[in-house]
Amino acid sequence: MKRIDLIVPDETAVQRRAADYLEAAILSIAGGYSRYDGIGAWTDAHGETIRETHRRYEILTDGDDSRAAVVLAFQTYGTSAGEDSILYRIDGETGGTFLSAVRDGNGNVCFYR
């Protein structure tokens, strides 16, 4: 078993809708999760403090396919929520990607790094 940690901003209505989709996808893929609601903060380039609500998910997966499916669902969240980048951790190892996505002729979301 490997643990995936996701930080999912849910400040805006668009982010919340995308996060709800992600939650349903995780449940379908992994069979369960733990969710913790929180607030994160950082200082932007102008010295302003930015605060944002988020959901933190801990997901246990038992195979490479389910891990890949969770990461793909998280990428879909990122694109749907309008995020520029997303970060995740698998067993403490940080991963992530800058998101650039387009839909193919069949309506599937395709991600490029």
PDB file of N, CA and C in Angstrom:
ATOM      1  N   MET A   1       0.843  -1.185   0.000  1.00  0.00           N
ATOM      2  CA  MET A   1       0.000   0.000   0.000  1.00  0.00           C
ATOM      3  C   MET A   1       0.884   1.243   0.000  1.00  0.00           C
ATOM      4  N   LYS A   2       0.476   2.210  -0.778  1.00  0.00           N
ATOM      5  CA  LYS A   2       1.148   3.504  -0.796  1.00  0.00           C
ATOM      6  C   LYS A   2       0.121   4.575  -0.513  1.00  0.00           C
ATOM      7  N   ARG A   3       0.578   5.650   0.157  1.00  0.00           N
ATOM      8  CA  ARG A   3      -0.320   6.745   0.509  1.00  0.00           C
ATOM      9  C   ARG A   3      -0.090   7.924  -0.425  1.00  0.00           C
ATOM     10  N   ILE A   4      -1.180   8.454  -0.933  1.00  0.00           N
ATOM     11  CA  ILE A   4      -1.151   9.668  -1.746  1.00  0.00           C
ATOM     12  C   ILE A   4      -1.765  10.783  -0.916  1.00  0.00           C
ATOM     13  N   ASP A   5      -1.079  11.920  -0.874  1.00  0.00           N
ATOM     14  CA  ASP A   5      -1.586  13.124  -0.212  1.00  0.00           C
ATOM     15  C   ASP A   5      -1.858  14.175  -1.268  1.00  0.00           C
ATOM     16  N   LEU A   6      -3.056  14.758  -1.238  1.00  0.00           N
ATOM     17  CA  LEU A   6      -3.438  15.816  -2.171  1.00  0.00           C
ATOM     18  C   LEU A   6      -3.871  17.041  -1.379  1.00  0.00           C
ATOM     19  N   ILE A   7      -3.443  18.218  -1.803  1.00  0.00           N
ATOM     20  CA  ILE A   7      -3.959  19.474  -1.267  1.00  0.00           C
ATOM     21  C   ILE A   7      -4.806  20.082  -2.377  1.00  0.00           C
ATOM     22  N   VAL A   8      -6.087  20.298  -2.084  1.00  0.00           N
ATOM     23  CA  VAL A   8      -7.059  20.682  -3.099  1.00  0.00           C
ATOM     24  C   VAL A   8      -7.720  22.007  -2.691  1.00  0.00           C
ATOM     25  N   PRO A   9      -7.291  23.144  -3.276  1.00  0.00           N
ATOM     26  CA  PRO A   9      -7.943  24.411  -2.956  1.00  0.00           C
ATOM     27  C   PRO A   9      -9.435  24.353  -3.279  1.00  0.00           C
ATOM     28  N   ASP A  10     -10.252  24.934  -2.384  1.00  0.00           N
ATOM     29  CA  ASP A  10     -11.701  24.953  -2.618  1.00  0.00           C
ATOM     30  C   ASP A  10     -12.312  26.297  -2.222  1.00  0.00           C
ATOM     31  N   GLU A  11     -11.580  27.362  -2.498  1.00  0.00           N
ATOM     32  CA  GLU A  11     -12.008  28.716  -2.130  1.00  0.00           C
ATOM     33  C   GLU A  11     -13.171  29.204  -2.994  1.00  0.00           C
ATOM     34  N   THR A  12     -13.134  28.916  -4.288  1.00  0.00           N
ATOM     35  CA  THR A  12     -14.147  29.431  -5.207  1.00  0.00           C
ATOM     36  C   THR A  12     -15.182  28.352  -5.532  1.00  0.00           C
ATOM     37  N   ALA A  13     -16.299  28.789  -6.096  1.00  0.00           N
ATOM     38  CA  ALA A  13     -17.348  27.838  -6.487  1.00  0.00           C
ATOM     39  C   ALA A  13     -16.825  26.866  -7.550  1.00  0.00           C
ATOM     40  N   VAL A  14     -16.013  27.343  -8.472  1.00  0.00           N
ATOM     41  CA  VAL A  14     -15.440  26.481  -9.510  1.00  0.00           C
ATOM     42  C   VAL A  14     -14.538  25.437  -8.871  1.00  0.00           C
ATOM     43  N   GLN A  15     -13.692  25.849  -7.938  1.00  0.00           N
ATOM     44  CA  GLN A  15     -12.809  24.900  -7.249  1.00  0.00           C
ATOM     45  C   GLN A  15     -13.612  23.873  -6.463  1.00  0.00           C
ATOM     46  N   ARG A  16     -14.684  24.311  -5.795  1.00  0.00           N
ATOM     47  CA  ARG A  16     -15.502  23.379  -5.004  1.00  0.00           C
ATOM     48  C   ARG A  16     -16.179  22.346  -5.895  1.00  0.00           C
ATOM     49  N   ARG A  17     -16.711  22.772  -7.044  1.00  0.00           N
ATOM     50  CA  ARG A  17     -17.329  21.809  -7.970  1.00  0.00           C
ATOM     51  C   ARG A  17     -16.297  20.802  -8.466  1.00  0.00           C
ATOM     52  N   ALA A  18     -15.121  21.287  -8.833  1.00  0.00           N
ATOM     53  CA  ALA A  18     -14.059  20.391  -9.299  1.00  0.00           C
ATOM     54  C   ALA A  18     -13.610  19.461  -8.182  1.00  0.00           C
ATOM     55  N   ALA A  19     -13.537  19.972  -6.951  1.00  0.00           N
ATOM     56  CA  ALA A  19     -13.131  19.143  -5.807  1.00  0.00           C
ATOM     57  C   ALA A  19     -14.187  18.076  -5.512  1.00  0.00           C
ATOM     58  N   ASP A  20     -15.457  18.409  -5.669  1.00  0.00           N
ATOM     59  CA  ASP A  20     -16.516  17.411  -5.465  1.00  0.00           C
ATOM     60  C   ASP A  20     -16.392  16.277  -6.488  1.00  0.00           C
ATOM     61  N   TYR A  21     -16.092  16.638  -7.754  1.00  0.00           N
ATOM     62  CA  TYR A  21     -15.866  15.616  -8.781  1.00  0.00           C
ATOM     63  C   TYR A  21     -14.671  14.742  -8.390  1.00  0.00           C
ATOM     64  N   LEU A  22     -13.592  15.378  -7.957  1.00  0.00           N
ATOM     65  CA  LEU A  22     -12.392  14.646  -7.563  1.00  0.00           C
ATOM     66  C   LEU A  22     -12.707  13.673  -6.431  1.00  0.00           C
ATOM     67  N   GLU A  23     -13.468  14.133  -5.455  1.00  0.00           N
ATOM     68  CA  GLU A  23     -13.824  13.289  -4.311  1.00  0.00           C
ATOM     69  C   GLU A  23     -14.568  12.035  -4.776  1.00  0.00           C
ATOM     70  N   ALA A  24     -15.521  12.211  -5.680  1.00  0.00           N
ATOM     71  CA  ALA A  24     -16.272  11.060  -6.200  1.00  0.00           C
ATOM     72  C   ALA A  24     -15.344  10.122  -6.983  1.00  0.00           C
ATOM     73  N   ALA A  25     -14.414  10.698  -7.744  1.00  0.00           N
ATOM     74  CA  ALA A  25     -13.474   9.882  -8.508  1.00  0.00           C
ATOM     75  C   ALA A  25     -12.569   9.077  -7.583  1.00  0.00           C
ATOM     76  N   ILE A  26     -12.058   9.711  -6.528  1.00  0.00           N
ATOM     77  CA  ILE A  26     -11.185   9.012  -5.580  1.00  0.00           C
ATOM     78  C   ILE A  26     -11.931   7.854  -4.934  1.00  0.00           C
ATOM     79  N   LEU A  27     -13.165   8.090  -4.543  1.00  0.00           N
ATOM     80  CA  LEU A  27     -13.959   7.044  -3.912  1.00  0.00           C
ATOM     81  C   LEU A  27     -14.143   5.862  -4.867  1.00  0.00           C
ATOM     82  N   SER A  28     -14.397   6.168  -6.131  1.00  0.00           N
ATOM     83  CA  SER A  28     -14.572   5.118  -7.131  1.00  0.00           C
ATOM     84  C   SER A  28     -13.270   4.358  -7.397  1.00  0.00           C
ATOM     85  N   ILE A  29     -12.156   5.071  -7.455  1.00  0.00           N
ATOM     86  CA  ILE A  29     -10.864   4.465  -7.793  1.00  0.00           C
ATOM     87  C   ILE A  29     -10.282   3.685  -6.619  1.00  0.00           C
ATOM     88  N   ALA A  30     -10.210   4.352  -5.464  1.00  0.00           N
ATOM     89  CA  ALA A  30      -9.474   3.788  -4.323  1.00  0.00           C
ATOM     90  C   ALA A  30     -10.382   3.155  -3.268  1.00  0.00           C
ATOM     91  N   GLY A  31     -11.680   3.397  -3.364  1.00  0.00           N
ATOM     92  CA  GLY A  31     -12.609   2.810  -2.405  1.00  0.00           C
ATOM     93  C   GLY A  31     -12.746   3.582  -1.106  1.00  0.00           C
ATOM     94  N   GLY A  32     -11.988   4.669  -0.950  1.00  0.00           N
ATOM     95  CA  GLY A  32     -12.100   5.467   0.261  1.00  0.00           C
ATOM     96  C   GLY A  32     -10.981   6.483   0.367  1.00  0.00           C
ATOM     97  N   TYR A  33     -11.108   7.368   1.338  1.00  0.00           N
ATOM     98  CA  TYR A  33     -10.122   8.420   1.572  1.00  0.00           C
ATOM     99  C   TYR A  33     -10.373   9.018   2.953  1.00  0.00           C
ATOM    100  N   SER A  34      -9.426   9.781   3.433  1.00  0.00           N
ATOM    101  CA  SER A  34      -9.622  10.625   4.610  1.00  0.00           C
ATOM    102  C   SER A  34      -9.524  12.062   4.130  1.00  0.00           C
ATOM    103  N   ARG A  35     -10.449  12.902   4.580  1.00  0.00           N
ATOM    104  CA  ARG A  35     -10.485  14.308   4.161  1.00  0.00           C
ATOM    105  C   ARG A  35     -10.373  15.204   5.389  1.00  0.00           C
ATOM    106  N   TYR A  36      -9.519  16.212   5.260  1.00  0.00           N
ATOM    107  CA  TYR A  36      -9.325  17.201   6.323  1.00  0.00           C
ATOM    108  C   TYR A  36      -9.474  18.575   5.698  1.00  0.00           C
ATOM    109  N   ASP A  37     -10.353  19.405   6.267  1.00  0.00           N
ATOM    110  CA  ASP A  37     -10.559  20.761   5.764  1.00  0.00           C
ATOM    111  C   ASP A  37      -9.632  21.712   6.503  1.00  0.00           C
ATOM    112  N   GLY A  38      -9.019  22.630   5.761  1.00  0.00           N
ATOM    113  CA  GLY A  38      -8.074  23.550   6.385  1.00  0.00           C
ATOM    114  C   GLY A  38      -7.963  24.867   5.646  1.00  0.00           C
ATOM    115  N   ILE A  39      -7.022  25.671   6.114  1.00  0.00           N
ATOM    116  CA  ILE A  39      -6.714  26.956   5.505  1.00  0.00           C
ATOM    117  C   ILE A  39      -5.209  27.032   5.354  1.00  0.00           C
ATOM    118  N   GLY A  40      -4.769  27.414   4.176  1.00  0.00           N
ATOM    119  CA  GLY A  40      -3.343  27.627   3.929  1.00  0.00           C
ATOM    120  C   GLY A  40      -3.083  29.107   3.724  1.00  0.00           C
ATOM    121  N   ALA A  41      -1.850  29.518   3.918  1.00  0.00           N
ATOM    122  CA  ALA A  41      -1.485  30.923   3.725  1.00  0.00           C
ATOM    123  C   ALA A  41      -0.074  31.000   3.163  1.00  0.00           C
ATOM    124  N   TRP A  42       0.178  32.024   2.371  1.00  0.00           N
ATOM    125  CA  TRP A  42       1.500  32.300   1.836  1.00  0.00           C
ATOM    126  C   TRP A  42       1.596  33.785   1.532  1.00  0.00           C
ATOM    127  N   THR A  43       2.801  34.259   1.303  1.00  0.00           N
ATOM    128  CA  THR A  43       3.047  35.647   0.954  1.00  0.00           C
ATOM    129  C   THR A  43       3.330  35.730  -0.537  1.00  0.00           C
ATOM    130  N   ASP A  44       2.603  36.614  -1.233  1.00  0.00           N
ATOM    131  CA  ASP A  44       2.813  36.740  -2.679  1.00  0.00           C
ATOM    132  C   ASP A  44       4.000  37.651  -2.980  1.00  0.00           C
ATOM    133  N   ALA A  45       4.243  37.906  -4.253  1.00  0.00           N
ATOM    134  CA  ALA A  45       5.393  38.700  -4.682  1.00  0.00           C
ATOM    135  C   ALA A  45       5.332  40.148  -4.206  1.00  0.00           C
ATOM    136  N   HIS A  46       4.147  40.609  -3.825  1.00  0.00           N
ATOM    137  CA  HIS A  46       3.984  41.987  -3.364  1.00  0.00           C
ATOM    138  C   HIS A  46       3.982  42.089  -1.843  1.00  0.00           C
ATOM    139  N   GLY A  47       4.258  40.982  -1.180  1.00  0.00           N
ATOM    140  CA  GLY A  47       4.304  40.988   0.281  1.00  0.00           C
ATOM    141  C   GLY A  47       2.944  40.842   0.946  1.00  0.00           C
ATOM    142  N   GLU A  48       1.906  40.589   0.155  1.00  0.00           N
ATOM    143  CA  GLU A  48       0.567  40.413   0.704  1.00  0.00           C
ATOM    144  C   GLU A  48       0.379  38.969   1.164  1.00  0.00           C
ATOM    145  N   THR A  49      -0.315  38.799   2.272  1.00  0.00           N
ATOM    146  CA  THR A  49      -0.629  37.460   2.758  1.00  0.00           C
ATOM    147  C   THR A  49      -1.900  36.975   2.070  1.00  0.00           C
ATOM    148  N   ILE A  50      -1.811  35.837   1.455  1.00  0.00           N
ATOM    149  CA  ILE A  50      -2.945  35.214   0.771  1.00  0.00           C
ATOM    150  C   ILE A  50      -3.379  34.020   1.607  1.00  0.00           C
ATOM    151  N   ARG A  51      -4.672  33.938   1.912  1.00  0.00           N
ATOM    152  CA  ARG A  51      -5.218  32.799   2.628  1.00  0.00           C
ATOM    153  C   ARG A  51      -6.224  32.098   1.721  1.00  0.00           C
ATOM    154  N   GLU A  52      -6.235  30.777   1.797  1.00  0.00           N
ATOM    155  CA  GLU A  52      -7.118  30.016   0.921  1.00  0.00           C
ATOM    156  C   GLU A  52      -7.559  28.746   1.633  1.00  0.00           C
ATOM    157  N   THR A  53      -8.865  28.475   1.563  1.00  0.00           N
ATOM    158  CA  THR A  53      -9.353  27.219   2.133  1.00  0.00           C
ATOM    159  C   THR A  53      -8.975  26.079   1.201  1.00  0.00           C
ATOM    160  N   HIS A  54      -8.824  24.910   1.784  1.00  0.00           N
ATOM    161  CA  HIS A  54      -8.482  23.739   0.992  1.00  0.00           C
ATOM    162  C   HIS A  54      -8.963  22.474   1.686  1.00  0.00           C
ATOM    163  N   ARG A  55      -8.971  21.405   0.908  1.00  0.00           N
ATOM    164  CA  ARG A  55      -9.228  20.061   1.414  1.00  0.00           C
ATOM    165  C   ARG A  55      -7.918  19.288   1.288  1.00  0.00           C
ATOM    166  N   ARG A  56      -7.581  18.544   2.304  1.00  0.00           N
ATOM    167  CA  ARG A  56      -6.419  17.658   2.217  1.00  0.00           C
ATOM    168  C   ARG A  56      -6.937  16.229   2.241  1.00  0.00           C
ATOM    169  N   TYR A  57      -6.516  15.449   1.266  1.00  0.00           N
ATOM    170  CA  TYR A  57      -6.932  14.058   1.168  1.00  0.00           C
ATOM    171  C   TYR A  57      -5.742  13.146   1.417  1.00  0.00           C
ATOM    172  N   GLU A  58      -5.984  12.078   2.154  1.00  0.00           N
ATOM    173  CA  GLU A  58      -5.047  10.964   2.287  1.00  0.00           C
ATOM    174  C   GLU A  58      -5.733   9.756   1.675  1.00  0.00           C
ATOM    175  N   ILE A  59      -5.066   9.147   0.702  1.00  0.00           N
ATOM    176  CA  ILE A  59      -5.648   8.025  -0.032  1.00  0.00           C
ATOM    177  C   ILE A  59      -4.663   6.870  -0.012  1.00  0.00           C
ATOM    178  N   LEU A  60      -5.121   5.694   0.354  1.00  0.00           N
ATOM    179  CA  LEU A  60      -4.284   4.500   0.295  1.00  0.00           C
ATOM    180  C   LEU A  60      -4.597   3.757  -0.992  1.00  0.00           C
ATOM    181  N   THR A  61      -3.547   3.434  -1.751  1.00  0.00           N
ATOM    182  CA  THR A  61      -3.720   2.701  -2.998  1.00  0.00           C
ATOM    183  C   THR A  61      -2.847   1.458  -2.966  1.00  0.00           C
ATOM    184  N   ASP A  62      -3.266   0.445  -3.707  1.00  0.00           N
ATOM    185  CA  ASP A  62      -2.540  -0.820  -3.650  1.00  0.00           C
ATOM    186  C   ASP A  62      -1.898  -1.223  -4.969  1.00  0.00           C
ATOM    187  N   GLY A  63      -1.848  -0.327  -5.946  1.00  0.00           N
ATOM    188  CA  GLY A  63      -1.220  -0.691  -7.210  1.00  0.00           C
ATOM    189  C   GLY A  63      -0.907   0.531  -8.048  1.00  0.00           C
ATOM    190  N   ASP A  64      -0.005   0.345  -9.007  1.00  0.00           N
ATOM    191  CA  ASP A  64       0.393   1.448  -9.873  1.00  0.00           C
ATOM    192  C   ASP A  64      -0.788   2.008 -10.667  1.00  0.00           C
ATOM    193  N   ASP A  65      -1.693   1.144 -11.123  1.00  0.00           N
ATOM    194  CA  ASP A  65      -2.833   1.612 -11.913  1.00  0.00           C
ATOM    195  C   ASP A  65      -3.735   2.532 -11.105  1.00  0.00           C
ATOM    196  N   SER A  66      -4.022   2.162  -9.854  1.00  0.00           N
ATOM    197  CA  SER A  66      -4.900   3.010  -9.045  1.00  0.00           C
ATOM    198  C   SER A  66      -4.199   4.316  -8.687  1.00  0.00           C
ATOM    199  N   ARG A  67      -2.885   4.279  -8.444  1.00  0.00           N
ATOM    200  CA  ARG A  67      -2.150   5.521  -8.168  1.00  0.00           C
ATOM    201  C   ARG A  67      -2.193   6.442  -9.387  1.00  0.00           C
ATOM    202  N   ALA A  68      -1.961   5.882 -10.572  1.00  0.00           N
ATOM    203  CA  ALA A  68      -1.998   6.680 -11.802  1.00  0.00           C
ATOM    204  C   ALA A  68      -3.390   7.270 -12.019  1.00  0.00           C
ATOM    205  N   ALA A  69      -4.437   6.501 -11.727  1.00  0.00           N
ATOM    206  CA  ALA A  69      -5.804   6.979 -11.906  1.00  0.00           C
ATOM    207  C   ALA A  69      -6.117   8.122 -10.938  1.00  0.00           C
ATOM    208  N   VAL A  70      -5.634   8.040  -9.691  1.00  0.00           N
ATOM    209  CA  VAL A  70      -5.848   9.126  -8.726  1.00  0.00           C
ATOM    210  C   VAL A  70      -5.121  10.381  -9.190  1.00  0.00           C
ATOM    211  N   VAL A  71      -3.878  10.247  -9.644  1.00  0.00           N
ATOM    212  CA  VAL A  71      -3.122  11.408 -10.118  1.00  0.00           C
ATOM    213  C   VAL A  71      -3.808  12.018 -11.338  1.00  0.00           C
ATOM    214  N   LEU A  72      -4.312  11.195 -12.258  1.00  0.00           N
ATOM    215  CA  LEU A  72      -5.037  11.710 -13.418  1.00  0.00           C
ATOM    216  C   LEU A  72      -6.303  12.457 -12.989  1.00  0.00           C
ATOM    217  N   ALA A  73      -7.039  11.915 -12.020  1.00  0.00           N
ATOM    218  CA  ALA A  73      -8.233  12.605 -11.508  1.00  0.00           C
ATOM    219  C   ALA A  73      -7.838  13.945 -10.884  1.00  0.00           C
ATOM    220  N   PHE A  74      -6.691  13.985 -10.195  1.00  0.00           N
ATOM    221  CA  PHE A  74      -6.212  15.227  -9.591  1.00  0.00           C
ATOM    222  C   PHE A  74      -5.827  16.228 -10.685  1.00  0.00           C
ATOM    223  N   GLN A  75      -5.217  15.769 -11.757  1.00  0.00           N
ATOM    224  CA  GLN A  75      -4.904  16.653 -12.879  1.00  0.00           C
ATOM    225  C   GLN A  75      -6.184  17.211 -13.487  1.00  0.00           C
ATOM    226  N   THR A  76      -7.216  16.389 -13.596  1.00  0.00           N
ATOM    227  CA  THR A  76      -8.504  16.851 -14.103  1.00  0.00           C
ATOM    228  C   THR A  76      -9.077  17.916 -13.182  1.00  0.00           C
ATOM    229  N   TYR A  77      -8.974  17.699 -11.850  1.00  0.00           N
ATOM    230  CA  TYR A  77      -9.384  18.737 -10.891  1.00  0.00           C
ATOM    231  C   TYR A  77      -8.653  20.039 -11.209  1.00  0.00           C
ATOM    232  N   GLY A  78      -7.307  19.957 -11.339  1.00  0.00           N
ATOM    233  CA  GLY A  78      -6.500  21.160 -11.542  1.00  0.00           C
ATOM    234  C   GLY A  78      -6.919  21.948 -12.758  1.00  0.00           C
ATOM    235  N   THR A  79      -7.152  21.257 -13.859  1.00  0.00           N
ATOM    236  CA  THR A  79      -7.576  21.927 -15.083  1.00  0.00           C
ATOM    237  C   THR A  79      -8.973  22.505 -14.925  1.00  0.00           C
ATOM    238  N   SER A  80      -9.902  21.736 -14.362  1.00  0.00           N
ATOM    239  CA  SER A  80     -11.283  22.192 -14.188  1.00  0.00           C
ATOM    240  C   SER A  80     -11.368  23.377 -13.237  1.00  0.00           C
ATOM    241  N   ALA A  81     -10.490  23.406 -12.233  1.00  0.00           N
ATOM    242  CA  ALA A  81     -10.510  24.472 -11.231  1.00  0.00           C
ATOM    243  C   ALA A  81      -9.708  25.688 -11.668  1.00  0.00           C
ATOM    244  N   GLY A  82      -9.011  25.584 -12.792  1.00  0.00           N
ATOM    245  CA  GLY A  82      -8.235  26.715 -13.280  1.00  0.00           C
ATOM    246  C   GLY A  82      -6.887  26.893 -12.596  1.00  0.00           C
ATOM    247  N   GLU A  83      -6.370  25.815 -12.006  1.00  0.00           N
ATOM    248  CA  GLU A  83      -5.070  25.891 -11.334  1.00  0.00           C
ATOM    249  C   GLU A  83      -3.947  25.907 -12.371  1.00  0.00           C
ATOM    250  N   ASP A  84      -2.876  26.648 -12.081  1.00  0.00           N
ATOM    251  CA  ASP A  84      -1.703  26.664 -12.962  1.00  0.00           C
ATOM    252  C   ASP A  84      -0.804  25.463 -12.713  1.00  0.00           C
ATOM    253  N   SER A  85      -0.801  24.976 -11.486  1.00  0.00           N
ATOM    254  CA  SER A  85       0.040  23.831 -11.140  1.00  0.00           C
ATOM    255  C   SER A  85      -0.598  23.100  -9.971  1.00  0.00           C
ATOM    256  N   ILE A  86      -0.241  21.838  -9.816  1.00  0.00           N
ATOM    257  CA  ILE A  86      -0.715  21.038  -8.691  1.00  0.00           C
ATOM    258  C   ILE A  86       0.460  20.246  -8.144  1.00  0.00           C
ATOM    259  N   LEU A  87       0.391  19.936  -6.870  1.00  0.00           N
ATOM    260  CA  LEU A  87       1.422  19.129  -6.226  1.00  0.00           C
ATOM    261  C   LEU A  87       0.759  18.006  -5.462  1.00  0.00           C
ATOM    262  N   TYR A  88       1.411  16.861  -5.445  1.00  0.00           N
ATOM    263  CA  TYR A  88       0.929  15.719  -4.684  1.00  0.00           C
ATOM    264  C   TYR A  88       2.134  15.009  -4.108  1.00  0.00           C
ATOM    265  N   ARG A  89       1.886  14.130  -3.137  1.00  0.00           N
ATOM    266  CA  ARG A  89       2.952  13.303  -2.568  1.00  0.00           C
ATOM    267  C   ARG A  89       2.502  11.858  -2.566  1.00  0.00           C
ATOM    268  N   ILE A  90       3.412  10.982  -2.951  1.00  0.00           N
ATOM    269  CA  ILE A  90       3.186   9.549  -2.851  1.00  0.00           C
ATOM    270  C   ILE A  90       4.239   9.010  -1.906  1.00  0.00           C
ATOM    271  N   ASP A  91       3.795   8.512  -0.761  1.00  0.00           N
ATOM    272  CA  ASP A  91       4.708   8.026   0.282  1.00  0.00           C
ATOM    273  C   ASP A  91       5.812   9.029   0.585  1.00  0.00           C
ATOM    274  N   GLY A  92       5.443  10.290   0.708  1.00  0.00           N
ATOM    275  CA  GLY A  92       6.390  11.322   1.093  1.00  0.00           C
ATOM    276  C   GLY A  92       7.200  11.912  -0.038  1.00  0.00           C
ATOM    277  N   GLU A  93       7.135  11.330  -1.228  1.00  0.00           N
ATOM    278  CA  GLU A  93       7.868  11.854  -2.379  1.00  0.00           C
ATOM    279  C   GLU A  93       6.968  12.836  -3.131  1.00  0.00           C
ATOM    280  N   THR A  94       7.405  14.079  -3.225  1.00  0.00           N
ATOM    281  CA  THR A  94       6.593  15.104  -3.872  1.00  0.00           C
ATOM    282  C   THR A  94       6.661  14.961  -5.383  1.00  0.00           C
ATOM    283  N   GLY A  95       5.507  15.078  -5.993  1.00  0.00           N
ATOM    284  CA  GLY A  95       5.391  15.093  -7.440  1.00  0.00           C
ATOM    285  C   GLY A  95       4.480  16.242  -7.819  1.00  0.00           C
ATOM    286  N   GLY A  96       4.343  16.485  -9.062  1.00  0.00           N
ATOM    287  CA  GLY A  96       3.441  17.537  -9.488  1.00  0.00           C
ATOM    288  C   GLY A  96       3.712  17.908 -10.922  1.00  0.00           C
ATOM    289  N   THR A  97       2.934  18.831 -11.398  1.00  0.00           N
ATOM    290  CA  THR A  97       3.082  19.235 -12.786  1.00  0.00           C
ATOM    291  C   THR A  97       2.489  20.614 -12.982  1.00  0.00           C
ATOM    292  N   PHE A  98       3.071  21.347 -13.909  1.00  0.00           N
ATOM    293  CA  PHE A  98       2.409  22.545 -14.406  1.00  0.00           C
ATOM    294  C   PHE A  98       1.378  22.041 -15.397  1.00  0.00           C
ATOM    295  N   LEU A  99       0.195  22.569 -15.320  1.00  0.00           N
ATOM    296  CA  LEU A  99      -0.887  22.026 -16.131  1.00  0.00           C
ATOM    297  C   LEU A  99      -1.084  22.813 -17.410  1.00  0.00           C
ATOM    298  N   SER A 100      -1.161  22.100 -18.477  1.00  0.00           N
ATOM    299  CA  SER A 100      -1.575  22.632 -19.757  1.00  0.00           C
ATOM    300  C   SER A 100      -2.406  21.516 -20.372  1.00  0.00           C
ATOM    301  N   ALA A 101      -3.642  21.777 -20.635  1.00  0.00           N
ATOM    302  CA  ALA A 101      -4.518  20.701 -21.092  1.00  0.00           C
ATOM    303  C   ALA A 101      -5.402  21.181 -22.237  1.00  0.00           C
ATOM    304  N   VAL A 102      -5.731  20.260 -23.089  1.00  0.00           N
ATOM    305  CA  VAL A 102      -6.670  20.514 -24.175  1.00  0.00           C
ATOM    306  C   VAL A 102      -7.586  19.306 -24.281  1.00  0.00           C
ATOM    307  N   ARG A 103      -8.709  19.483 -24.927  1.00  0.00           N
ATOM    308  CA  ARG A 103      -9.606  18.357 -25.179  1.00  0.00           C
ATOM    309  C   ARG A 103      -9.349  17.834 -26.582  1.00  0.00           C
ATOM    310  N   ASP A 104      -9.303  16.512 -26.703  1.00  0.00           N
ATOM    311  CA  ASP A 104      -9.131  15.922 -28.030  1.00  0.00           C
ATOM    312  C   ASP A 104     -10.473  15.874 -28.745  1.00  0.00           C
ATOM    313  N   GLY A 105     -10.505  15.319 -29.929  1.00  0.00           N
ATOM    314  CA  GLY A 105     -11.733  15.273 -30.730  1.00  0.00           C
ATOM    315  C   GLY A 105     -12.844  14.471 -30.089  1.00  0.00           C
ATOM    316  N   ASN A 106     -12.525  13.634 -29.104  1.00  0.00           N
ATOM    317  CA  ASN A 106     -13.545  12.828 -28.418  1.00  0.00           C
ATOM    318  C   ASN A 106     -13.978  13.442 -27.092  1.00  0.00           C
ATOM    319  N   GLY A 107     -13.485  14.653 -26.778  1.00  0.00           N
ATOM    320  CA  GLY A 107     -13.852  15.302 -25.532  1.00  0.00           C
ATOM    321  C   GLY A 107     -13.009  14.883 -24.349  1.00  0.00           C
ATOM    322  N   ASN A 108     -11.971  14.061 -24.576  1.00  0.00           N
ATOM    323  CA  ASN A 108     -11.090  13.649 -23.490  1.00  0.00           C
ATOM    324  C   ASN A 108     -10.093  14.753 -23.181  1.00  0.00           C
ATOM    325  N   VAL A 109      -9.772  14.920 -21.893  1.00  0.00           N
ATOM    326  CA  VAL A 109      -8.789  15.919 -21.491  1.00  0.00           C
ATOM    327  C   VAL A 109      -7.404  15.305 -21.651  1.00  0.00           C
ATOM    328  N   CYS A 110      -6.511  15.999 -22.353  1.00  0.00           N
ATOM    329  CA  CYS A 110      -5.139  15.539 -22.574  1.00  0.00           C
ATOM    330  C   CYS A 110      -4.201  16.530 -21.886  1.00  0.00           C
ATOM    331  N   PHE A 111      -3.263  16.034 -21.103  1.00  0.00           N
ATOM    332  CA  PHE A 111      -2.340  16.872 -20.345  1.00  0.00           C
ATOM    333  C   PHE A 111      -0.965  16.857 -20.977  1.00  0.00           C
ATOM    334  N   TYR A 112      -0.322  18.004 -20.942  1.00  0.00           N
ATOM    335  CA  TYR A 112       1.039  18.145 -21.457  1.00  0.00           C
ATOM    336  C   TYR A 112       1.898  18.731 -20.357  1.00  0.00           C
ATOM    337  N   ARG A 113       3.149  18.319 -20.289  1.00  0.00           N
ATOM    338  CA  ARG A 113       4.074  18.853 -19.284  1.00  0.00           C
ATOM    339  C   ARG A 113       5.116  19.685 -19.981  1.00  0.00           C
TER     340      ARG A 113
END
